[in-house]
Amino acid sequence: MTKAGNIDEYISSFPGETQEILHKLRKIIRENAPEATETIGYGMPTFKLKRNLVHFAAYKSHIGFYPTPSGIEKFQEELQSYKSSKGAVQFPINEPLPFDLIARIVRFRVEEENQR
């Protein structure tokens, strides 16, 4: 991971093809969580809505998406074809990201945070 001061710097530190993926991912998150604020947390792009909403990060072979354990648990069946852990999922960088699924996860997390 890169040490960036903001999300633009973070994205610009990657090769062009990866930047395109990250820009689209950021756009999807912004569209589905318009009230969230952007920052860098744990060295990666972070969106906050009261608390941490979701994070993402780029790696050599995958895009990491971190929607907290509840986001993974809620969409467990749809995420079963991806490598995942308690609070993270890895989307292979050489395959199209499931942006519709990501949007639904973000909306779920927004609803969850707004209910707290």
Protein backbone atom coordinates (compact mmCIF):
# COMPACT_ATOMS: atom_id res chain seq x y z
CA MET A 1 0.00 0.00 0.00
CA THR A 2 1.02 3.54 -0.65
CA LYS A 3 1.18 6.40 1.87
CA ALA A 4 -1.14 8.94 0.33
CA GLY A 5 -2.61 12.06 1.89
CA ASN A 6 -5.94 11.74 0.09
CA ILE A 7 -7.83 9.42 -2.23
CA ASP A 8 -6.74 11.23 -5.40
CA GLU A 9 -3.07 10.73 -4.45
CA TYR A 10 -3.75 7.10 -3.57
CA ILE A 11 -5.39 6.33 -6.92
CA SER A 12 -2.75 8.21 -8.93
CA SER A 13 0.00 6.05 -7.45
CA PHE A 14 -1.19 3.00 -9.44
CA PRO A 15 -0.86 2.05 -13.13
CA GLY A 16 -3.49 3.38 -15.52
CA GLU A 17 -5.66 0.26 -15.72
CA THR A 18 -5.80 -0.01 -11.94
CA GLN A 19 -6.58 3.69 -11.68
CA GLU A 20 -9.61 3.20 -13.94
CA ILE A 21 -10.94 0.45 -11.67
CA LEU A 22 -10.34 2.53 -8.55
CA HIS A 23 -12.01 5.61 -10.05
CA LYS A 24 -15.09 3.56 -10.93
CA LEU A 25 -15.16 1.95 -7.49
CA ARG A 26 -14.92 5.37 -5.84
CA LYS A 27 -17.73 6.66 -8.06
CA ILE A 28 -19.99 3.73 -7.14
CA ILE A 29 -19.37 4.32 -3.44
CA ARG A 30 -20.01 8.08 -3.77
CA GLU A 31 -23.25 7.49 -5.69
CA ASN A 32 -24.54 5.09 -3.06
CA ALA A 33 -23.24 6.95 -0.01
CA PRO A 34 -23.44 10.63 -1.03
CA GLU A 35 -23.30 11.86 2.57
CA ALA A 36 -20.15 9.91 3.39
CA THR A 37 -16.89 11.77 3.84
CA GLU A 38 -13.68 10.62 2.19
CA THR A 39 -10.39 10.16 3.99
CA ILE A 40 -7.41 7.86 4.16
CA GLY A 41 -7.67 5.35 6.98
CA TYR A 42 -5.34 2.46 7.64
CA GLY A 43 -3.42 3.62 4.55
CA MET A 44 -6.36 3.13 2.19
CA PRO A 45 -9.34 5.08 0.84
CA THR A 46 -12.00 5.21 3.51
CA PHE A 47 -15.57 6.44 3.47
CA LYS A 48 -17.12 7.50 6.77
CA LEU A 49 -20.69 8.04 7.80
CA LYS A 50 -20.48 8.73 11.53
CA ARG A 51 -17.99 5.84 11.65
CA ASN A 52 -16.10 3.80 9.07
CA LEU A 53 -18.48 2.78 6.30
CA VAL A 54 -16.24 1.02 3.74
CA HIS A 55 -12.60 0.97 2.66
CA PHE A 56 -10.91 -0.21 -0.52
CA ALA A 57 -7.35 -0.87 -1.60
CA ALA A 58 -5.45 -2.01 -4.65
CA TYR A 59 -2.92 -4.80 -4.65
CA LYS A 60 -0.93 -6.54 -7.37
CA SER A 61 -3.53 -9.22 -8.08
CA HIS A 62 -6.74 -7.97 -6.48
CA ILE A 63 -8.85 -5.09 -5.23
CA GLY A 64 -9.61 -5.37 -1.54
CA PHE A 65 -13.04 -4.16 -0.43
CA TYR A 66 -13.71 -3.79 3.27
CA PRO A 67 -17.40 -3.29 4.13
CA THR A 68 -17.02 -4.43 7.79
CA PRO A 69 -18.04 -7.90 8.97
CA SER A 70 -21.76 -7.11 8.70
CA GLY A 71 -21.40 -6.23 5.00
CA ILE A 72 -19.64 -9.51 4.29
CA GLU A 73 -22.11 -11.54 6.35
CA LYS A 74 -25.22 -9.99 4.75
CA PHE A 75 -23.99 -10.75 1.20
CA GLN A 76 -22.17 -13.99 2.03
CA GLU A 77 -23.91 -16.07 -0.64
CA GLU A 78 -23.18 -13.60 -3.43
CA LEU A 79 -19.56 -13.27 -2.31
CA GLN A 80 -18.89 -16.99 -2.08
CA SER A 81 -16.99 -17.13 -5.37
CA TYR A 82 -14.46 -14.58 -4.05
CA LYS A 83 -11.77 -14.97 -1.45
CA SER A 84 -13.07 -13.31 1.71
CA SER A 85 -12.57 -13.05 5.42
CA LYS A 86 -14.59 -11.69 8.32
CA GLY A 87 -14.56 -8.09 7.07
CA ALA A 88 -12.96 -8.15 3.62
CA VAL A 89 -13.37 -9.50 0.13
CA GLN A 90 -10.81 -9.77 -2.66
CA PHE A 91 -11.90 -9.11 -6.22
CA PRO A 92 -9.35 -10.37 -8.78
CA ILE A 93 -7.90 -7.39 -10.63
CA ASN A 94 -7.99 -9.23 -13.97
CA GLU A 95 -11.77 -9.82 -13.79
CA PRO A 96 -14.60 -7.27 -13.94
CA LEU A 97 -15.59 -6.07 -10.50
CA PRO A 98 -19.21 -6.79 -9.49
CA PHE A 99 -20.16 -3.11 -9.27
CA ASP A 100 -23.88 -3.83 -8.81
CA LEU A 101 -23.10 -6.01 -5.82
CA ILE A 102 -20.69 -3.43 -4.42
CA ALA A 103 -23.40 -0.76 -4.74
CA ARG A 104 -25.87 -2.93 -2.83
CA ILE A 105 -23.32 -3.58 -0.09
CA VAL A 106 -22.62 0.14 0.24
CA ARG A 107 -26.35 0.93 0.45
CA PHE A 108 -26.73 -1.75 3.12
CA ARG A 109 -23.87 -0.24 5.12
CA VAL A 110 -25.38 3.27 4.80
CA GLU A 111 -28.72 2.00 6.08
CA GLU A 112 -26.99 0.14 8.87
CA GLU A 113 -25.02 3.21 9.99
CA ASN A 114 -28.06 5.48 9.77
CA GLN A 115 -29.95 3.13 12.10
CA ARG A 116 -27.27 3.36 14.79
